[in-house]
């Protein structure tokens, strides 16, 4: 029987944590991806099955709401479920808990992507409507479209590398977050967890492409944009 709600456990080791002993934002994102991938595999539309039709899931938008970040050696549970499905796109929710206490809620928007034609298309599988839990949400607010008209004060050059790519042969979504956070003073990331993070993935990046990482910091918000040839490919808004 297919599980509408899927749970995966992780124990945080030193590779998952910052120097302050708290879970890295990029490690959190990886854990969500692994949990979503396992659930999709169980439901019949995981990577290997979709690859037969040259398809893959790609992340488009995501919102993290963070009460607290788990610490080194914590055993965490990640629960995930499908909140909505519309043929070529899906909303997936996540909750991260320690000892039964919810610490992080996440909502995300995914699209079905043809890996040969490099465009969105309908999923090549039927989905059981009983696994779609439209009444169950993990966050107070939904993911959103980030305002792209922000004025950015600083810009940092970067060229995409082999280690940035994933099995779909484009930059893995976790890498963008690391690039952006690496431009901040370490104290800003390590002193206390961010309240919320919104991310928009707009265009894919491939190997060897030159980009600009643009940054604007205010008292309550940190904005990032990654651009290629003045076209925006990624946006992130952090609520401090």
C-alpha atoms as a PDB file:
ATOM      1  CA  UNK A   1       0.000   0.000   0.000  1.00  0.00           C
ATOM      2  CA  UNK A   2       1.297   3.448  -0.934  1.00  0.00           C
ATOM      3  CA  UNK A   3       2.032   5.782   1.971  1.00  0.00           C
ATOM      4  CA  UNK A   4       0.517   9.256   1.667  1.00  0.00           C
ATOM      5  CA  UNK A   5       2.905  10.476   4.396  1.00  0.00           C
ATOM      6  CA  UNK A   6       6.486   9.227   4.166  1.00  0.00           C
ATOM      7  CA  UNK A   7       9.074   9.452   6.975  1.00  0.00           C
ATOM      8  CA  UNK A   8      12.871   9.251   6.766  1.00  0.00           C
ATOM      9  CA  UNK A   9      15.282   9.527   9.715  1.00  0.00           C
ATOM     10  CA  UNK A  10      18.752  11.071   9.828  1.00  0.00           C
ATOM     11  CA  UNK A  11      21.358  11.387  12.575  1.00  0.00           C
ATOM     12  CA  UNK A  12      23.335  14.613  12.225  1.00  0.00           C
ATOM     13  CA  UNK A  13      27.073  14.048  11.863  1.00  0.00           C
ATOM     14  CA  UNK A  14      29.900  16.545  11.453  1.00  0.00           C
ATOM     15  CA  UNK A  15      29.356  16.837   7.681  1.00  0.00           C
ATOM     16  CA  UNK A  16      25.806  18.126   8.266  1.00  0.00           C
ATOM     17  CA  UNK A  17      26.678  20.944  10.681  1.00  0.00           C
ATOM     18  CA  UNK A  18      28.204  24.419  10.790  1.00  0.00           C
ATOM     19  CA  UNK A  19      31.027  25.287  13.198  1.00  0.00           C
ATOM     20  CA  UNK A  20      28.376  26.212  15.798  1.00  0.00           C
ATOM     21  CA  UNK A  21      27.051  22.650  15.785  1.00  0.00           C
ATOM     22  CA  UNK A  22      23.759  23.528  14.066  1.00  0.00           C
ATOM     23  CA  UNK A  23      22.378  21.944  10.917  1.00  0.00           C
ATOM     24  CA  UNK A  24      23.563  23.601   7.695  1.00  0.00           C
ATOM     25  CA  UNK A  25      20.831  25.034   5.465  1.00  0.00           C
ATOM     26  CA  UNK A  26      22.308  23.169   2.492  1.00  0.00           C
ATOM     27  CA  UNK A  27      22.362  19.872   4.444  1.00  0.00           C
ATOM     28  CA  UNK A  28      18.729  20.449   5.386  1.00  0.00           C
ATOM     29  CA  UNK A  29      17.866  20.930   1.717  1.00  0.00           C
ATOM     30  CA  UNK A  30      19.707  17.733   0.794  1.00  0.00           C
ATOM     31  CA  UNK A  31      17.780  15.772   3.424  1.00  0.00           C
ATOM     32  CA  UNK A  32      14.488  17.074   2.066  1.00  0.00           C
ATOM     33  CA  UNK A  33      15.489  16.060  -1.459  1.00  0.00           C
ATOM     34  CA  UNK A  34      16.509  12.565  -0.337  1.00  0.00           C
ATOM     35  CA  UNK A  35      13.242  12.098   1.536  1.00  0.00           C
ATOM     36  CA  UNK A  36      11.179  13.353  -1.406  1.00  0.00           C
ATOM     37  CA  UNK A  37      13.138  11.088  -3.781  1.00  0.00           C
ATOM     38  CA  UNK A  38      12.507   8.002  -1.617  1.00  0.00           C
ATOM     39  CA  UNK A  39       8.808   8.809  -1.376  1.00  0.00           C
ATOM     40  CA  UNK A  40       8.551   9.353  -5.131  1.00  0.00           C
ATOM     41  CA  UNK A  41      10.322   6.016  -5.695  1.00  0.00           C
ATOM     42  CA  UNK A  42       7.794   4.254  -3.490  1.00  0.00           C
ATOM     43  CA  UNK A  43       4.908   5.936  -5.342  1.00  0.00           C
ATOM     44  CA  UNK A  44       6.207   4.828  -8.739  1.00  0.00           C
ATOM     45  CA  UNK A  45       7.600   8.067 -10.111  1.00  0.00           C
ATOM     46  CA  UNK A  46      11.142   8.117  -8.736  1.00  0.00           C
ATOM     47  CA  UNK A  47      14.272   8.993 -10.681  1.00  0.00           C
ATOM     48  CA  UNK A  48      14.876   5.625 -12.367  1.00  0.00           C
ATOM     49  CA  UNK A  49      11.272   5.177 -13.466  1.00  0.00           C
ATOM     50  CA  UNK A  50      10.969   8.736 -14.777  1.00  0.00           C
ATOM     51  CA  UNK A  51      14.330   8.497 -16.565  1.00  0.00           C
ATOM     52  CA  UNK A  52      12.809   5.855 -18.857  1.00  0.00           C
ATOM     53  CA  UNK A  53      10.644   8.661 -20.303  1.00  0.00           C
ATOM     54  CA  UNK A  54      13.493  11.233 -20.104  1.00  0.00           C
ATOM     55  CA  UNK A  55      11.738  12.986 -17.224  1.00  0.00           C
ATOM     56  CA  UNK A  56      12.790  14.356 -13.858  1.00  0.00           C
ATOM     57  CA  UNK A  57      11.331  16.457 -11.052  1.00  0.00           C
ATOM     58  CA  UNK A  58      12.875  19.928 -10.727  1.00  0.00           C
ATOM     59  CA  UNK A  59      12.339  22.304  -7.826  1.00  0.00           C
ATOM     60  CA  UNK A  60      10.809  25.669  -8.751  1.00  0.00           C
ATOM     61  CA  UNK A  61       9.872  27.400  -5.470  1.00  0.00           C
ATOM     62  CA  UNK A  62      10.340  26.610  -1.790  1.00  0.00           C
ATOM     63  CA  UNK A  63       9.687  28.229   1.592  1.00  0.00           C
ATOM     64  CA  UNK A  64      11.325  27.203   4.878  1.00  0.00           C
ATOM     65  CA  UNK A  65       9.843  28.317   8.218  1.00  0.00           C
ATOM     66  CA  UNK A  66      12.350  27.676  10.995  1.00  0.00           C
ATOM     67  CA  UNK A  67      11.566  27.553  14.703  1.00  0.00           C
ATOM     68  CA  UNK A  68      14.917  26.043  15.613  1.00  0.00           C
ATOM     69  CA  UNK A  69      17.789  24.270  13.854  1.00  0.00           C
ATOM     70  CA  UNK A  70      18.666  20.747  15.075  1.00  0.00           C
ATOM     71  CA  UNK A  71      22.102  20.223  16.638  1.00  0.00           C
ATOM     72  CA  UNK A  72      25.015  17.836  16.028  1.00  0.00           C
ATOM     73  CA  UNK A  73      24.136  14.182  16.840  1.00  0.00           C
ATOM     74  CA  UNK A  74      20.393  14.897  16.917  1.00  0.00           C
ATOM     75  CA  UNK A  75      18.209  12.218  15.355  1.00  0.00           C
ATOM     76  CA  UNK A  76      15.759  14.017  13.124  1.00  0.00           C
ATOM     77  CA  UNK A  77      12.668  12.810  11.335  1.00  0.00           C
ATOM     78  CA  UNK A  78      11.622  14.281   8.007  1.00  0.00           C
ATOM     79  CA  UNK A  79       7.994  13.732   6.995  1.00  0.00           C
ATOM     80  CA  UNK A  80       6.783  14.551   3.505  1.00  0.00           C
ATOM     81  CA  UNK A  81       3.542  14.367   1.553  1.00  0.00           C
ATOM     82  CA  UNK A  82       2.002  15.636  -1.679  1.00  0.00           C
ATOM     83  CA  UNK A  83      -0.271  18.602  -1.037  1.00  0.00           C
ATOM     84  CA  UNK A  84      -1.367  19.107  -4.654  1.00  0.00           C
ATOM     85  CA  UNK A  85      -0.783  17.613  -8.099  1.00  0.00           C
ATOM     86  CA  UNK A  86      -1.736  19.114 -11.471  1.00  0.00           C
ATOM     87  CA  UNK A  87      -0.316  16.958 -14.281  1.00  0.00           C
ATOM     88  CA  UNK A  88       3.032  18.667 -14.820  1.00  0.00           C
ATOM     89  CA  UNK A  89       3.513  20.239 -11.391  1.00  0.00           C
ATOM     90  CA  UNK A  90       3.165  19.334  -7.737  1.00  0.00           C
ATOM     91  CA  UNK A  91       3.238  20.929  -4.289  1.00  0.00           C
ATOM     92  CA  UNK A  92       5.111  18.893  -1.680  1.00  0.00           C
ATOM     93  CA  UNK A  93       5.190  19.610   2.065  1.00  0.00           C
ATOM     94  CA  UNK A  94       7.805  18.674   4.692  1.00  0.00           C
ATOM     95  CA  UNK A  95       8.038  18.724   8.479  1.00  0.00           C
ATOM     96  CA  UNK A  96      11.338  18.288  10.342  1.00  0.00           C
ATOM     97  CA  UNK A  97      11.045  17.073  13.949  1.00  0.00           C
ATOM     98  CA  UNK A  98      13.308  16.067  16.838  1.00  0.00           C
ATOM     99  CA  UNK A  99      11.850  13.842  19.575  1.00  0.00           C
ATOM    100  CA  UNK A 100       8.388  14.447  18.157  1.00  0.00           C
ATOM    101  CA  UNK A 101       8.691  18.251  18.283  1.00  0.00           C
ATOM    102  CA  UNK A 102       8.334  20.100  14.980  1.00  0.00           C
ATOM    103  CA  UNK A 103      11.271  22.428  14.344  1.00  0.00           C
ATOM    104  CA  UNK A 104      10.992  23.269  10.637  1.00  0.00           C
ATOM    105  CA  UNK A 105       8.094  23.426   8.159  1.00  0.00           C
ATOM    106  CA  UNK A 106       8.638  23.538   4.408  1.00  0.00           C
ATOM    107  CA  UNK A 107       6.398  23.930   1.375  1.00  0.00           C
ATOM    108  CA  UNK A 108       7.721  23.434  -2.145  1.00  0.00           C
ATOM    109  CA  UNK A 109       6.607  23.595  -5.783  1.00  0.00           C
ATOM    110  CA  UNK A 110       8.009  21.098  -8.324  1.00  0.00           C
ATOM    111  CA  UNK A 111       7.705  20.745 -12.094  1.00  0.00           C
ATOM    112  CA  UNK A 112       8.100  17.728 -14.375  1.00  0.00           C
ATOM    113  CA  UNK A 113      11.079  18.367 -16.661  1.00  0.00           C
ATOM    114  CA  UNK A 114      12.022  16.632 -19.924  1.00  0.00           C
ATOM    115  CA  UNK A 115      15.770  16.042 -19.655  1.00  0.00           C
ATOM    116  CA  UNK A 116      16.261  15.785 -23.448  1.00  0.00           C
ATOM    117  CA  UNK A 117      14.126  18.706 -24.578  1.00  0.00           C
ATOM    118  CA  UNK A 118      14.913  20.765 -21.413  1.00  0.00           C
ATOM    119  CA  UNK A 119      11.315  21.873 -20.871  1.00  0.00           C
ATOM    120  CA  UNK A 120       8.319  21.140 -18.625  1.00  0.00           C
ATOM    121  CA  UNK A 121       5.760  18.517 -19.633  1.00  0.00           C
ATOM    122  CA  UNK A 122       3.041  16.231 -18.220  1.00  0.00           C
ATOM    123  CA  UNK A 123       4.111  13.436 -15.875  1.00  0.00           C
ATOM    124  CA  UNK A 124       4.263  10.119 -17.729  1.00  0.00           C
ATOM    125  CA  UNK A 125       2.491   8.304 -14.842  1.00  0.00           C
ATOM    126  CA  UNK A 126      -0.914   8.209 -13.175  1.00  0.00           C
ATOM    127  CA  UNK A 127      -1.117   9.343  -9.528  1.00  0.00           C
ATOM    128  CA  UNK A 128      -3.539   7.828  -7.018  1.00  0.00           C
ATOM    129  CA  UNK A 129      -5.689  10.771  -5.815  1.00  0.00           C
ATOM    130  CA  UNK A 130      -5.775   9.256  -2.303  1.00  0.00           C
ATOM    131  CA  UNK A 131      -2.113  10.206  -1.754  1.00  0.00           C
ATOM    132  CA  UNK A 132      -2.813  13.916  -2.350  1.00  0.00           C
ATOM    133  CA  UNK A 133      -3.484  15.583   1.026  1.00  0.00           C
ATOM    134  CA  UNK A 134      -4.872  19.008   0.143  1.00  0.00           C
ATOM    135  CA  UNK A 135      -6.009  19.763   3.688  1.00  0.00           C
ATOM    136  CA  UNK A 136      -2.572  19.191   5.286  1.00  0.00           C
ATOM    137  CA  UNK A 137       0.037  21.988   5.198  1.00  0.00           C
ATOM    138  CA  UNK A 138       3.424  22.380   6.900  1.00  0.00           C
ATOM    139  CA  UNK A 139       3.852  26.185   6.888  1.00  0.00           C
ATOM    140  CA  UNK A 140       1.906  29.269   7.935  1.00  0.00           C
ATOM    141  CA  UNK A 141       2.485  30.947   4.565  1.00  0.00           C
ATOM    142  CA  UNK A 142       2.808  29.414   1.075  1.00  0.00           C
ATOM    143  CA  UNK A 143       5.855  29.605  -1.175  1.00  0.00           C
ATOM    144  CA  UNK A 144       5.831  32.818  -3.157  1.00  0.00           C
ATOM    145  CA  UNK A 145       7.099  34.609  -6.202  1.00  0.00           C
ATOM    146  CA  UNK A 146       9.952  36.847  -5.039  1.00  0.00           C
ATOM    147  CA  UNK A 147      10.103  40.451  -6.240  1.00  0.00           C
ATOM    148  CA  UNK A 148      12.933  40.623  -8.778  1.00  0.00           C
ATOM    149  CA  UNK A 149      13.169  44.433  -8.778  1.00  0.00           C
ATOM    150  CA  UNK A 150      15.239  44.701  -5.566  1.00  0.00           C
ATOM    151  CA  UNK A 151      18.243  47.030  -5.705  1.00  0.00           C
ATOM    152  CA  UNK A 152      21.417  45.047  -5.034  1.00  0.00           C
ATOM    153  CA  UNK A 153      24.433  46.671  -3.391  1.00  0.00           C
ATOM    154  CA  UNK A 154      27.103  44.034  -3.956  1.00  0.00           C
ATOM    155  CA  UNK A 155      27.987  41.586  -6.690  1.00  0.00           C
ATOM    156  CA  UNK A 156      30.308  38.567  -6.703  1.00  0.00           C
ATOM    157  CA  UNK A 157      31.541  36.710  -9.797  1.00  0.00           C
ATOM    158  CA  UNK A 158      31.347  32.921  -9.994  1.00  0.00           C
ATOM    159  CA  UNK A 159      31.780  30.237 -12.654  1.00  0.00           C
ATOM    160  CA  UNK A 160      29.879  26.962 -12.335  1.00  0.00           C
ATOM    161  CA  UNK A 161      32.054  23.903 -11.682  1.00  0.00           C
ATOM    162  CA  UNK A 162      31.804  20.146 -12.089  1.00  0.00           C
ATOM    163  CA  UNK A 163      31.120  19.705  -8.359  1.00  0.00           C
ATOM    164  CA  UNK A 164      28.022  21.922  -8.697  1.00  0.00           C
ATOM    165  CA  UNK A 165      26.262  19.547 -11.106  1.00  0.00           C
ATOM    166  CA  UNK A 166      23.867  16.724 -10.286  1.00  0.00           C
ATOM    167  CA  UNK A 167      22.689  13.629 -12.137  1.00  0.00           C
ATOM    168  CA  UNK A 168      20.363  15.707 -14.377  1.00  0.00           C
ATOM    169  CA  UNK A 169      23.510  17.543 -15.628  1.00  0.00           C
ATOM    170  CA  UNK A 170      22.603  20.965 -14.293  1.00  0.00           C
ATOM    171  CA  UNK A 171      23.522  22.878 -11.133  1.00  0.00           C
ATOM    172  CA  UNK A 172      21.887  21.180  -8.151  1.00  0.00           C
ATOM    173  CA  UNK A 173      19.455  23.465  -6.321  1.00  0.00           C
ATOM    174  CA  UNK A 174      21.358  23.171  -3.021  1.00  0.00           C
ATOM    175  CA  UNK A 175      24.439  24.788  -4.566  1.00  0.00           C
ATOM    176  CA  UNK A 176      22.756  28.156  -5.143  1.00  0.00           C
ATOM    177  CA  UNK A 177      22.065  28.545  -1.422  1.00  0.00           C
ATOM    178  CA  UNK A 178      25.676  27.770  -0.519  1.00  0.00           C
ATOM    179  CA  UNK A 179      26.996  30.256  -3.082  1.00  0.00           C
ATOM    180  CA  UNK A 180      24.822  33.010  -1.635  1.00  0.00           C
ATOM    181  CA  UNK A 181      25.447  32.307   2.057  1.00  0.00           C
ATOM    182  CA  UNK A 182      29.196  32.149   1.395  1.00  0.00           C
ATOM    183  CA  UNK A 183      29.076  35.859   0.466  1.00  0.00           C
ATOM    184  CA  UNK A 184      27.859  36.799   3.968  1.00  0.00           C
ATOM    185  CA  UNK A 185      29.906  37.401   7.098  1.00  0.00           C
ATOM    186  CA  UNK A 186      29.998  34.089   8.943  1.00  0.00           C
ATOM    187  CA  UNK A 187      28.506  35.640  12.102  1.00  0.00           C
ATOM    188  CA  UNK A 188      25.346  36.509  10.198  1.00  0.00           C
ATOM    189  CA  UNK A 189      24.782  32.833   9.390  1.00  0.00           C
ATOM    190  CA  UNK A 190      26.030  31.330  12.657  1.00  0.00           C
ATOM    191  CA  UNK A 191      24.660  33.669  15.353  1.00  0.00           C
ATOM    192  CA  UNK A 192      21.026  32.580  15.155  1.00  0.00           C
ATOM    193  CA  UNK A 193      18.819  30.711  12.687  1.00  0.00           C
ATOM    194  CA  UNK A 194      16.967  32.647  10.022  1.00  0.00           C
ATOM    195  CA  UNK A 195      13.195  32.821  10.612  1.00  0.00           C
ATOM    196  CA  UNK A 196      12.220  31.939   7.056  1.00  0.00           C
ATOM    197  CA  UNK A 197      13.782  31.448   3.630  1.00  0.00           C
ATOM    198  CA  UNK A 198      12.002  31.826   0.291  1.00  0.00           C
ATOM    199  CA  UNK A 199      13.658  30.603  -2.908  1.00  0.00           C
ATOM    200  CA  UNK A 200      12.740  30.796  -6.611  1.00  0.00           C
ATOM    201  CA  UNK A 201      14.581  28.697  -9.206  1.00  0.00           C
ATOM    202  CA  UNK A 202      13.975  30.356 -12.558  1.00  0.00           C
ATOM    203  CA  UNK A 203      16.463  29.014 -15.138  1.00  0.00           C
ATOM    204  CA  UNK A 204      18.874  26.112 -15.020  1.00  0.00           C
ATOM    205  CA  UNK A 205      22.647  26.564 -15.132  1.00  0.00           C
ATOM    206  CA  UNK A 206      25.142  24.258 -16.820  1.00  0.00           C
ATOM    207  CA  UNK A 207      28.864  23.614 -16.481  1.00  0.00           C
ATOM    208  CA  UNK A 208      31.301  26.487 -17.021  1.00  0.00           C
ATOM    209  CA  UNK A 209      28.760  29.322 -17.065  1.00  0.00           C
ATOM    210  CA  UNK A 210      29.747  32.714 -15.628  1.00  0.00           C
ATOM    211  CA  UNK A 211      27.264  34.233 -13.180  1.00  0.00           C
ATOM    212  CA  UNK A 212      26.952  37.167 -10.802  1.00  0.00           C
ATOM    213  CA  UNK A 213      25.751  36.644  -7.220  1.00  0.00           C
ATOM    214  CA  UNK A 214      23.996  39.875  -6.218  1.00  0.00           C
ATOM    215  CA  UNK A 215      23.274  40.779  -2.602  1.00  0.00           C
ATOM    216  CA  UNK A 216      21.259  43.312  -0.584  1.00  0.00           C
ATOM    217  CA  UNK A 217      21.115  43.301   3.227  1.00  0.00           C
ATOM    218  CA  UNK A 218      18.595  45.210   5.345  1.00  0.00           C
ATOM    219  CA  UNK A 219      17.695  44.977   9.034  1.00  0.00           C
ATOM    220  CA  UNK A 220      15.052  42.301   8.540  1.00  0.00           C
ATOM    221  CA  UNK A 221      15.608  40.866   5.040  1.00  0.00           C
ATOM    222  CA  UNK A 222      18.544  39.580   3.001  1.00  0.00           C
ATOM    223  CA  UNK A 223      17.966  39.403  -0.755  1.00  0.00           C
ATOM    224  CA  UNK A 224      20.001  37.507  -3.321  1.00  0.00           C
ATOM    225  CA  UNK A 225      19.792  37.219  -7.084  1.00  0.00           C
ATOM    226  CA  UNK A 226      21.976  35.104  -9.340  1.00  0.00           C
ATOM    227  CA  UNK A 227      22.166  36.377 -12.901  1.00  0.00           C
ATOM    228  CA  UNK A 228      23.707  35.147 -16.136  1.00  0.00           C
ATOM    229  CA  UNK A 229      24.271  37.751 -18.840  1.00  0.00           C
ATOM    230  CA  UNK A 230      21.922  40.063 -16.878  1.00  0.00           C
ATOM    231  CA  UNK A 231      19.115  37.491 -16.891  1.00  0.00           C
ATOM    232  CA  UNK A 232      17.922  36.344 -13.472  1.00  0.00           C
ATOM    233  CA  UNK A 233      18.198  32.579 -12.901  1.00  0.00           C
ATOM    234  CA  UNK A 234      17.713  32.413  -9.115  1.00  0.00           C
ATOM    235  CA  UNK A 235      16.207  34.514  -6.303  1.00  0.00           C
ATOM    236  CA  UNK A 236      16.385  34.064  -2.532  1.00  0.00           C
ATOM    237  CA  UNK A 237      14.809  36.127   0.245  1.00  0.00           C
ATOM    238  CA  UNK A 238      15.826  35.483   3.872  1.00  0.00           C
ATOM    239  CA  UNK A 239      13.755  36.725   6.791  1.00  0.00           C
ATOM    240  CA  UNK A 240      16.123  37.376   9.713  1.00  0.00           C
END
